[in-house]
Amino acid sequence: MTYPHSPSNGTHDLLARITRDQAAKLPGPALEMTPATTSPATVGKARDATMKATKKKEPNTTVIQNSDGTTSYRVQIRGRVHGKQHSLCRTFSTLTLARAWRKRTTAEIELNGFPAPETEQAAPTVADIIHARLDKDKKIERSAKQYLRYLSKHPLWISKRCSDLTVADLVDFAELMVSEDREPQTVAGYMSLLSTTLKRARKRGAHIPPQVVEDGMDILWEEHIIARSSKRDRRPTLDELDKILSAAEANKRQKLPLAKLIVFAIFSTRRLGEICRLRWCDLNEVESKILVRDMKHPRKKKGNNVTVTLPDEAMRIIRSMPREGAFIFPFNPRSVGTAFRRQRDIIPIVDLRFHDLRHEGISWLFEMGETDYFVRQISGHEPGGCLARYAHVRNKGNKFANWCWLDRVIHGICA
């Protein structure tokens, strides 16, 4: 007779009988018994497989085992837009973040519908980008605004979406402008403004294809479709100055002291806009210096304030001005420019601009034998700048020695 607890049955047989009896009492299919000879490793694998099978699967989520041993969770939500299948997909480092994004995105889809892909949304046009800059950028100069308004109204840029912009679009537009009898230098101004506007928009998130603007501008320069302004060496003669100053002085209806402004522009070497921005509070009469606010600079459009030296002739003119208000010359530069052109055309004098007076003043200083450093202190140029382009030296000596117009504009003496 054999007893259940006899050593011949062994401990494993006893455990197996107990497990069978307990399994018979549980509902459902009987558990498959693991043979006594099963190794511990096999038992562990079976347990892991059972846990994976019974673990709840995360919807729309794929578990990714990375090569560095970490785990990522990719959530992908699919939907149809206009009959086409699209998907939203994000990958997260933790399951908690993946669940949160999936929950939020699903709720937004239930409220607003599946979002249309970016290519099917109302992508901005080039004209939209230009309008946005005109609306937001308050520091655009008047001439630049005129250029941008022209570009924003052109049919090509009204219909062209930024995401579809190509190098050919930029090149074709520049060639079109040249074919309309515009100078390459003028077209360069338009295209430079357009490229700057597009680059600004791209930095702010606009979907403009990379390198399109840069490559397009490179081709325009390389093929000479656009060109830089040619160096100008126009200087007024003493006879031309005498005629225009006499006409300005004789015009009694004119309220602006145009003759005084012309003479000051020569001796101070200042631009017209800078002259009309000079302030009494920025003047140092002891050292004959003045702060020029927002001096023109190729990169610094605002805030380039430079202290310059005033020649004796320029200081004499400043002292002759009445101290009425903050500005030394309280006039609108546009009005001064219009008055200058009107008197020039009446005479007439061909191809003379107010800015040529600055050329005249700088060249006069070099003709007097002054050094580059001395001239820079007056003109405001930086070392290594473009001072040389203004220096059109013709003769040595003082061109304005015994010139009557300095005293005439200061004291109001009429001939």
Protein backbone atom coordinates (compact mmCIF):
# COMPACT_ATOMS: atom_id res chain seq x y z
CA MET A 1 0.00 0.00 0.00
CA THR A 2 1.26 3.38 -0.97
CA TYR A 3 0.68 6.48 1.14
CA PRO A 4 0.41 9.91 -0.25
CA HIS A 5 3.07 11.28 2.00
CA SER A 6 5.55 8.51 1.39
CA PRO A 7 8.99 9.65 0.29
CA SER A 8 8.60 7.72 -2.95
CA ASN A 9 5.97 10.15 -4.28
CA GLY A 10 8.18 13.11 -3.66
CA THR A 11 7.44 16.67 -2.69
CA HIS A 12 6.61 17.77 -6.28
CA ASP A 13 3.81 15.19 -6.57
CA LEU A 14 2.24 16.47 -3.37
CA LEU A 15 2.33 20.11 -4.60
CA ALA A 16 0.85 19.05 -7.92
CA ARG A 17 -2.11 17.32 -6.24
CA ILE A 18 -2.81 20.40 -4.07
CA THR A 19 -2.70 22.73 -7.14
CA ARG A 20 -5.10 20.40 -9.06
CA ASP A 21 -7.57 20.37 -6.20
CA GLN A 22 -7.56 24.20 -5.92
CA ALA A 23 -7.93 24.66 -9.66
CA ALA A 24 -10.96 22.36 -9.72
CA LYS A 25 -12.75 24.67 -7.30
CA LEU A 26 -12.17 27.85 -9.52
CA PRO A 27 -14.55 28.71 -12.39
CA GLY A 28 -13.33 28.68 -15.97
CA PRO A 29 -10.90 26.37 -17.73
CA ALA A 30 -8.44 24.44 -15.68
CA LEU A 31 -4.94 25.83 -15.53
CA GLU A 32 -2.32 23.89 -17.40
CA MET A 33 0.09 22.45 -14.94
CA THR A 34 3.76 23.09 -15.27
CA PRO A 35 5.65 19.82 -15.28
CA ALA A 36 7.90 19.21 -12.38
CA THR A 37 10.81 19.20 -14.74
CA THR A 38 10.19 22.81 -16.02
CA SER A 39 13.17 25.09 -15.41
CA PRO A 40 12.84 28.41 -13.48
CA ALA A 41 13.81 30.41 -16.64
CA THR A 42 10.93 28.87 -18.58
CA VAL A 43 8.53 29.73 -15.76
CA GLY A 44 9.71 33.37 -15.82
CA LYS A 45 9.18 33.71 -19.55
CA ALA A 46 5.70 32.27 -19.29
CA ARG A 47 4.86 34.69 -16.49
CA ASP A 48 6.11 37.69 -18.57
CA ALA A 49 4.07 36.57 -21.58
CA THR A 50 0.97 36.27 -19.41
CA MET A 51 1.51 39.76 -17.99
CA LYS A 52 1.91 41.30 -21.47
CA ALA A 53 -1.20 39.49 -22.69
CA THR A 54 -3.31 40.63 -19.77
CA LYS A 55 -1.92 44.20 -19.62
CA LYS A 56 -4.27 46.82 -21.09
CA LYS A 57 -2.95 48.22 -24.39
CA GLU A 58 -2.74 52.05 -24.74
CA PRO A 59 -4.91 53.20 -27.67
CA ASN A 60 -3.18 54.94 -30.58
CA THR A 61 0.17 54.46 -28.84
CA THR A 62 3.25 52.55 -29.95
CA VAL A 63 6.02 51.68 -27.50
CA ILE A 64 9.49 52.20 -29.01
CA GLN A 65 12.64 50.69 -27.52
CA ASN A 66 15.50 53.07 -28.37
CA SER A 67 19.05 51.93 -29.04
CA ASP A 68 20.29 53.64 -25.88
CA GLY A 69 17.98 51.51 -23.72
CA THR A 70 15.32 54.19 -23.14
CA THR A 71 11.68 53.89 -24.09
CA SER A 72 9.61 56.33 -26.18
CA TYR A 73 5.88 56.46 -26.82
CA ARG A 74 4.54 57.47 -30.22
CA VAL A 75 0.94 58.62 -30.43
CA GLN A 76 -0.75 58.65 -33.84
CA ILE A 77 -4.32 59.80 -34.41
CA ARG A 78 -5.81 59.32 -37.86
CA GLY A 79 -8.72 61.12 -39.51
CA ARG A 80 -10.17 62.15 -42.86
CA VAL A 81 -10.26 65.65 -44.33
CA HIS A 82 -12.11 66.16 -47.61
CA GLY A 83 -12.07 62.40 -48.15
CA LYS A 84 -8.29 62.10 -47.70
CA GLN A 85 -6.66 60.20 -44.86
CA HIS A 86 -4.38 62.30 -42.63
CA SER A 87 -2.73 61.73 -39.29
CA LEU A 88 -1.37 63.63 -36.31
CA CYS A 89 1.74 62.07 -34.79
CA ARG A 90 3.91 62.99 -31.79
CA THR A 91 6.58 61.09 -29.87
CA PHE A 92 7.12 61.49 -26.11
CA SER A 93 9.68 60.34 -23.60
CA THR A 94 7.10 59.29 -20.98
CA LEU A 95 3.75 57.56 -21.12
CA THR A 96 2.19 60.29 -18.97
CA LEU A 97 2.99 63.00 -21.56
CA ALA A 98 1.78 60.77 -24.37
CA ARG A 99 -1.55 60.17 -22.63
CA ALA A 100 -2.01 63.88 -21.90
CA TRP A 101 -1.39 64.90 -25.53
CA ARG A 102 -3.63 62.12 -26.84
CA LYS A 103 -6.43 63.14 -24.50
CA ARG A 104 -6.16 66.85 -25.33
CA THR A 105 -5.90 66.30 -29.09
CA THR A 106 -8.85 63.90 -29.11
CA ALA A 107 -10.97 66.46 -27.25
CA GLU A 108 -10.02 69.21 -29.71
CA ILE A 109 -10.96 66.97 -32.64
CA GLU A 110 -14.36 66.25 -31.06
CA LEU A 111 -14.99 69.98 -30.64
CA ASN A 112 -13.53 71.37 -33.88
CA GLY A 113 -13.13 68.41 -36.20
CA PHE A 114 -9.91 66.96 -37.54
CA PRO A 115 -7.50 69.81 -38.39
CA ALA A 116 -6.79 70.40 -42.05
CA PRO A 117 -3.16 69.83 -42.98
CA GLU A 118 -1.06 72.94 -43.38
CA THR A 119 -0.84 72.63 -47.15
CA GLU A 120 -4.61 72.82 -47.42
CA GLN A 121 -5.08 75.75 -45.07
CA ALA A 122 -5.20 79.34 -46.28
CA ALA A 123 -1.43 79.79 -46.43
CA PRO A 124 -0.34 83.46 -46.59
CA THR A 125 0.68 84.98 -49.87
CA VAL A 126 3.76 87.11 -50.45
CA ALA A 127 1.47 90.15 -50.51
CA ASP A 128 0.11 89.15 -47.09
CA ILE A 129 3.66 89.04 -45.72
CA ILE A 130 4.38 92.51 -47.12
CA HIS A 131 1.16 93.94 -45.67
CA ALA A 132 2.06 92.45 -42.28
CA ARG A 133 5.40 94.26 -42.29
CA LEU A 134 3.80 97.54 -43.33
CA ASP A 135 1.33 97.21 -40.45
CA LYS A 136 3.79 96.15 -37.73
CA ASP A 137 7.09 97.83 -38.62
CA LYS A 138 6.76 101.47 -37.60
CA LYS A 139 10.35 102.40 -38.48
CA ILE A 140 10.17 101.93 -42.25
CA GLU A 141 11.37 104.99 -44.12
CA ARG A 142 9.09 106.78 -46.56
CA SER A 143 10.78 105.57 -49.75
CA ALA A 144 10.83 101.98 -48.47
CA LYS A 145 7.10 102.17 -47.74
CA GLN A 146 6.43 103.27 -51.31
CA TYR A 147 8.42 100.31 -52.66
CA LEU A 148 6.64 97.84 -50.38
CA ARG A 149 3.20 99.18 -51.29
CA TYR A 150 4.01 98.71 -54.97
CA LEU A 151 5.15 95.13 -54.34
CA SER A 152 2.05 94.30 -52.26
CA LYS A 153 -0.24 95.36 -55.13
CA HIS A 154 1.53 93.40 -57.85
CA PRO A 155 -0.62 90.53 -59.23
CA LEU A 156 2.23 88.02 -58.96
CA TRP A 157 2.68 88.50 -55.21
CA ILE A 158 -1.07 88.70 -54.56
CA SER A 159 -1.54 85.19 -55.97
CA LYS A 160 1.78 83.58 -54.99
CA ARG A 161 1.70 81.65 -51.70
CA CYS A 162 4.86 81.84 -49.61
CA SER A 163 5.12 78.06 -49.40
CA ASP A 164 5.18 77.86 -53.22
CA LEU A 165 7.84 80.55 -53.74
CA THR A 166 10.67 79.55 -56.09
CA VAL A 167 13.94 81.06 -57.28
CA ALA A 168 12.38 81.43 -60.73
CA ASP A 169 9.64 83.66 -59.29
CA LEU A 170 12.19 86.14 -57.94
CA VAL A 171 14.31 86.15 -61.09
CA ASP A 172 11.31 86.49 -63.42
CA PHE A 173 9.90 89.39 -61.40
CA ALA A 174 13.22 91.28 -61.45
CA GLU A 175 13.55 90.76 -65.21
CA LEU A 176 9.98 92.00 -65.65
CA MET A 177 10.78 95.21 -63.77
CA VAL A 178 13.90 95.78 -65.88
CA SER A 179 11.85 95.25 -69.05
CA GLU A 180 9.55 98.06 -67.90
CA ASP A 181 12.43 100.55 -68.36
CA ARG A 182 13.58 100.57 -64.75
CA GLU A 183 17.28 100.88 -64.04
CA PRO A 184 19.02 97.82 -62.55
CA GLN A 185 19.92 99.98 -59.53
CA THR A 186 16.23 100.79 -58.97
CA VAL A 187 15.22 97.14 -59.32
CA ALA A 188 17.93 96.25 -56.79
CA GLY A 189 16.19 98.49 -54.28
CA TYR A 190 12.87 96.71 -54.78
CA MET A 191 14.37 93.23 -54.64
CA SER A 192 16.49 93.98 -51.56
CA LEU A 193 13.41 95.15 -49.68
CA LEU A 194 11.44 92.11 -50.82
CA SER A 195 14.17 89.69 -49.76
CA THR A 196 14.56 91.39 -46.38
CA THR A 197 10.81 91.19 -45.80
CA LEU A 198 10.68 87.49 -46.69
CA LYS A 199 13.66 86.66 -44.45
CA ARG A 200 12.06 88.50 -41.52
CA ALA A 201 8.84 86.56 -42.04
CA ARG A 202 10.70 83.23 -42.23
CA LYS A 203 12.40 83.94 -38.89
CA ARG A 204 8.94 84.55 -37.43
CA GLY A 205 7.58 81.20 -38.57
CA ALA A 206 6.31 81.81 -42.12
CA HIS A 207 6.72 78.72 -44.29
CA ILE A 208 9.05 80.02 -46.97
CA PRO A 209 11.23 77.36 -48.63
CA PRO A 210 14.80 77.54 -47.29
CA GLN A 211 17.50 79.17 -49.41
CA VAL A 212 15.02 80.32 -52.08
CA VAL A 213 15.45 84.00 -51.26
CA GLU A 214 19.22 83.77 -50.85
CA ASP A 215 19.71 81.77 -54.06
CA GLY A 216 17.41 84.08 -56.01
CA MET A 217 19.29 87.21 -54.93
CA ASP A 218 22.65 85.55 -55.70
CA ILE A 219 21.52 84.85 -59.26
CA LEU A 220 20.25 88.42 -59.71
CA TRP A 221 23.63 89.84 -58.68
CA GLU A 222 25.72 87.28 -60.58
CA GLU A 223 23.81 87.74 -63.84
CA HIS A 224 23.79 91.56 -63.42
CA ILE A 225 20.01 91.72 -63.58
CA ILE A 226 20.29 94.12 -60.66
CA ALA A 227 23.20 96.43 -59.88
CA ARG A 228 24.47 98.71 -57.17
CA SER A 229 24.25 102.44 -57.58
CA SER A 230 27.11 103.89 -59.59
CA LYS A 231 29.47 106.22 -57.81
CA ARG A 232 28.36 109.82 -58.20
CA ASP A 233 30.90 112.62 -58.52
CA ARG A 234 28.60 115.56 -59.25
CA ARG A 235 29.73 118.76 -57.55
CA PRO A 236 28.20 122.21 -57.98
CA THR A 237 30.34 124.92 -59.50
CA LEU A 238 30.62 128.34 -57.87
CA ASP A 239 28.57 129.76 -60.73
CA GLU A 240 25.77 127.20 -60.15
CA LEU A 241 25.78 127.93 -56.43
CA ASP A 242 25.59 131.63 -57.09
CA LYS A 243 22.58 131.18 -59.37
CA ILE A 244 20.59 128.93 -57.05
CA LEU A 245 21.39 130.99 -53.94
CA SER A 246 20.43 134.19 -55.73
CA ALA A 247 17.13 132.63 -56.83
CA ALA A 248 16.39 131.42 -53.31
CA GLU A 249 17.19 134.82 -51.82
CA ALA A 250 15.02 136.63 -54.37
CA ASN A 251 11.97 134.45 -53.69
CA LYS A 252 10.18 136.56 -51.07
CA ARG A 253 7.17 134.23 -50.96
CA GLN A 254 9.33 131.42 -49.64
CA LYS A 255 9.29 131.15 -45.85
CA LEU A 256 12.18 128.69 -45.60
CA PRO A 257 15.72 130.13 -45.28
CA LEU A 258 16.76 127.96 -48.22
CA ALA A 259 19.97 129.85 -48.97
CA LYS A 260 21.17 129.47 -45.36
CA LEU A 261 20.36 125.74 -45.38
CA ILE A 262 22.30 125.23 -48.63
CA VAL A 263 25.42 126.96 -47.31
CA PHE A 264 25.18 125.09 -43.98
CA ALA A 265 24.88 121.76 -45.82
CA ILE A 266 28.17 122.45 -47.60
CA PHE A 267 30.26 123.50 -44.61
CA SER A 268 28.75 121.00 -42.11
CA THR A 269 28.73 118.09 -44.64
CA ARG A 270 25.40 117.05 -43.13
CA ARG A 271 22.55 115.30 -44.92
CA LEU A 272 19.23 117.13 -45.24
CA GLY A 273 17.36 114.90 -42.78
CA GLU A 274 20.18 115.25 -40.24
CA ILE A 275 20.17 119.04 -40.54
CA CYS A 276 16.48 119.21 -39.66
CA ARG A 277 17.01 116.94 -36.62
CA LEU A 278 19.80 118.97 -34.98
CA ARG A 279 18.84 120.12 -31.46
CA TRP A 280 20.04 123.00 -29.33
CA CYS A 281 20.45 120.69 -26.34
CA ASP A 282 22.93 118.54 -28.31
CA LEU A 283 25.18 121.50 -29.23
CA ASN A 284 28.52 121.99 -27.47
CA GLU A 285 29.50 125.54 -28.41
CA VAL A 286 32.74 125.46 -26.39
CA GLU A 287 34.18 122.51 -28.35
CA SER A 288 32.25 123.24 -31.58
CA LYS A 289 30.64 119.79 -31.56
CA ILE A 290 27.11 118.52 -31.92
CA LEU A 291 25.32 115.19 -31.52
CA VAL A 292 23.75 113.99 -34.77
CA ARG A 293 20.85 111.70 -33.90
CA ASP A 294 20.01 108.68 -36.06
CA MET A 295 22.87 109.27 -38.46
CA LYS A 296 22.52 107.19 -41.59
CA HIS A 297 24.19 103.78 -41.32
CA PRO A 298 24.04 100.72 -43.63
CA ARG A 299 22.86 98.48 -40.75
CA LYS A 300 21.75 100.69 -37.83
CA LYS A 301 18.57 102.36 -39.01
CA LYS A 302 17.77 103.91 -35.64
CA GLY A 303 19.81 104.89 -32.62
CA ASN A 304 23.09 105.57 -34.47
CA ASN A 305 23.86 108.80 -32.60
CA VAL A 306 27.26 110.29 -33.49
CA THR A 307 29.04 113.38 -32.14
CA VAL A 308 30.73 115.36 -34.92
CA THR A 309 32.89 118.46 -35.14
CA LEU A 310 31.48 121.65 -36.65
CA PRO A 311 33.77 123.82 -38.79
CA ASP A 312 33.85 127.51 -37.94
CA GLU A 313 31.67 128.35 -40.94
CA ALA A 314 28.95 125.95 -39.78
CA MET A 315 29.12 127.27 -36.20
CA ARG A 316 28.62 130.85 -37.43
CA ILE A 317 25.46 129.82 -39.27
CA ILE A 318 24.10 127.99 -36.20
CA ARG A 319 24.68 131.06 -33.99
CA SER A 320 22.68 133.14 -36.46
CA MET A 321 19.57 130.99 -35.95
CA PRO A 322 16.96 132.10 -33.39
CA ARG A 323 16.56 129.83 -30.35
CA GLU A 324 12.85 129.15 -30.74
CA GLY A 325 12.05 125.59 -29.81
CA ALA A 326 14.07 122.41 -29.54
CA PHE A 327 15.41 122.26 -33.11
CA ILE A 328 18.09 124.50 -34.60
CA PHE A 329 16.55 124.22 -38.06
CA PRO A 330 12.87 123.50 -37.34
CA PHE A 331 11.84 122.66 -40.89
CA ASN A 332 10.36 119.65 -42.66
CA PRO A 333 13.12 118.05 -44.78
CA ARG A 334 10.60 117.18 -47.48
CA SER A 335 9.62 120.85 -47.78
CA VAL A 336 13.27 121.91 -47.98
CA GLY A 337 13.97 119.31 -50.67
CA THR A 338 10.96 120.43 -52.69
CA ALA A 339 12.02 124.10 -52.46
CA PHE A 340 15.56 123.23 -53.55
CA ARG A 341 14.37 121.31 -56.61
CA ARG A 342 11.96 124.07 -57.54
CA GLN A 343 14.68 126.74 -57.57
CA ARG A 344 17.08 124.38 -59.38
CA ASP A 345 14.58 123.67 -62.16
CA ILE A 346 13.64 127.32 -62.64
CA ILE A 347 17.23 128.35 -63.42
CA PRO A 348 17.68 125.53 -64.70
CA ILE A 349 20.62 123.52 -63.33
CA VAL A 350 20.92 119.98 -64.66
CA ASP A 351 21.43 116.92 -62.46
CA LEU A 352 22.13 118.61 -59.14
CA ARG A 353 20.80 117.11 -55.91
CA PHE A 354 20.77 118.45 -52.37
CA HIS A 355 22.94 115.48 -51.31
CA ASP A 356 25.62 116.67 -53.74
CA LEU A 357 26.26 119.53 -51.29
CA ARG A 358 27.61 116.96 -48.81
CA HIS A 359 29.97 115.70 -51.52
CA GLU A 360 31.05 119.26 -52.11
CA GLY A 361 31.79 119.90 -48.44
CA ILE A 362 33.85 116.71 -47.93
CA SER A 363 35.79 117.25 -51.16
CA TRP A 364 36.47 120.87 -50.12
CA LEU A 365 38.03 119.65 -46.86
CA PHE A 366 40.37 117.29 -48.75
CA GLU A 367 41.28 120.06 -51.19
CA MET A 368 42.25 122.14 -48.17
CA GLY A 369 44.79 119.43 -47.32
CA GLU A 370 42.99 117.95 -44.31
CA THR A 371 43.70 114.36 -43.26
CA ASP A 372 41.24 111.45 -43.32
CA TYR A 373 40.98 111.52 -39.54
CA PHE A 374 40.15 115.23 -39.49
CA VAL A 375 37.51 114.85 -42.21
CA ARG A 376 35.92 111.87 -40.43
CA GLN A 377 35.47 113.96 -37.30
CA ILE A 378 33.33 116.34 -39.34
CA SER A 379 31.55 113.95 -41.72
CA GLY A 380 30.89 111.23 -39.13
CA HIS A 381 32.26 108.36 -41.20
CA GLU A 382 33.63 105.29 -39.43
CA PRO A 383 37.26 104.24 -39.98
CA GLY A 384 37.47 102.14 -43.11
CA GLY A 385 34.07 103.39 -44.28
CA CYS A 386 33.04 104.79 -47.64
CA LEU A 387 34.63 108.22 -47.15
CA ALA A 388 36.70 107.88 -50.32
CA ARG A 389 33.63 107.88 -52.55
CA TYR A 390 32.81 111.42 -51.39
CA ALA A 391 36.30 112.82 -51.89
CA HIS A 392 36.34 114.19 -55.44
CA VAL A 393 39.48 116.31 -55.26
CA ARG A 394 39.99 118.54 -58.29
CA ASN A 395 42.20 121.38 -57.17
CA LYS A 396 44.25 122.22 -54.13
CA GLY A 397 43.37 125.22 -52.03
CA ASN A 398 40.32 126.94 -50.56
CA LYS A 399 37.60 127.08 -53.17
CA PHE A 400 35.43 129.25 -50.94
CA ALA A 401 38.06 131.86 -50.02
CA ASN A 402 36.43 135.30 -50.14
CA TRP A 403 33.08 133.68 -51.00
CA CYS A 404 30.42 136.29 -50.30
CA TRP A 405 27.53 133.94 -49.60
CA LEU A 406 28.58 132.93 -46.09
CA ASP A 407 28.20 136.47 -44.77
CA ARG A 408 25.11 137.09 -46.87
CA VAL A 409 23.13 134.18 -45.41
CA ILE A 410 24.30 134.94 -41.85
CA HIS A 411 23.56 138.67 -41.84
CA GLY A 412 20.81 138.73 -44.45
CA ILE A 413 22.80 141.05 -46.70
CA CYS A 414 21.29 141.38 -50.18
CA ALA A 415 23.44 142.07 -53.21
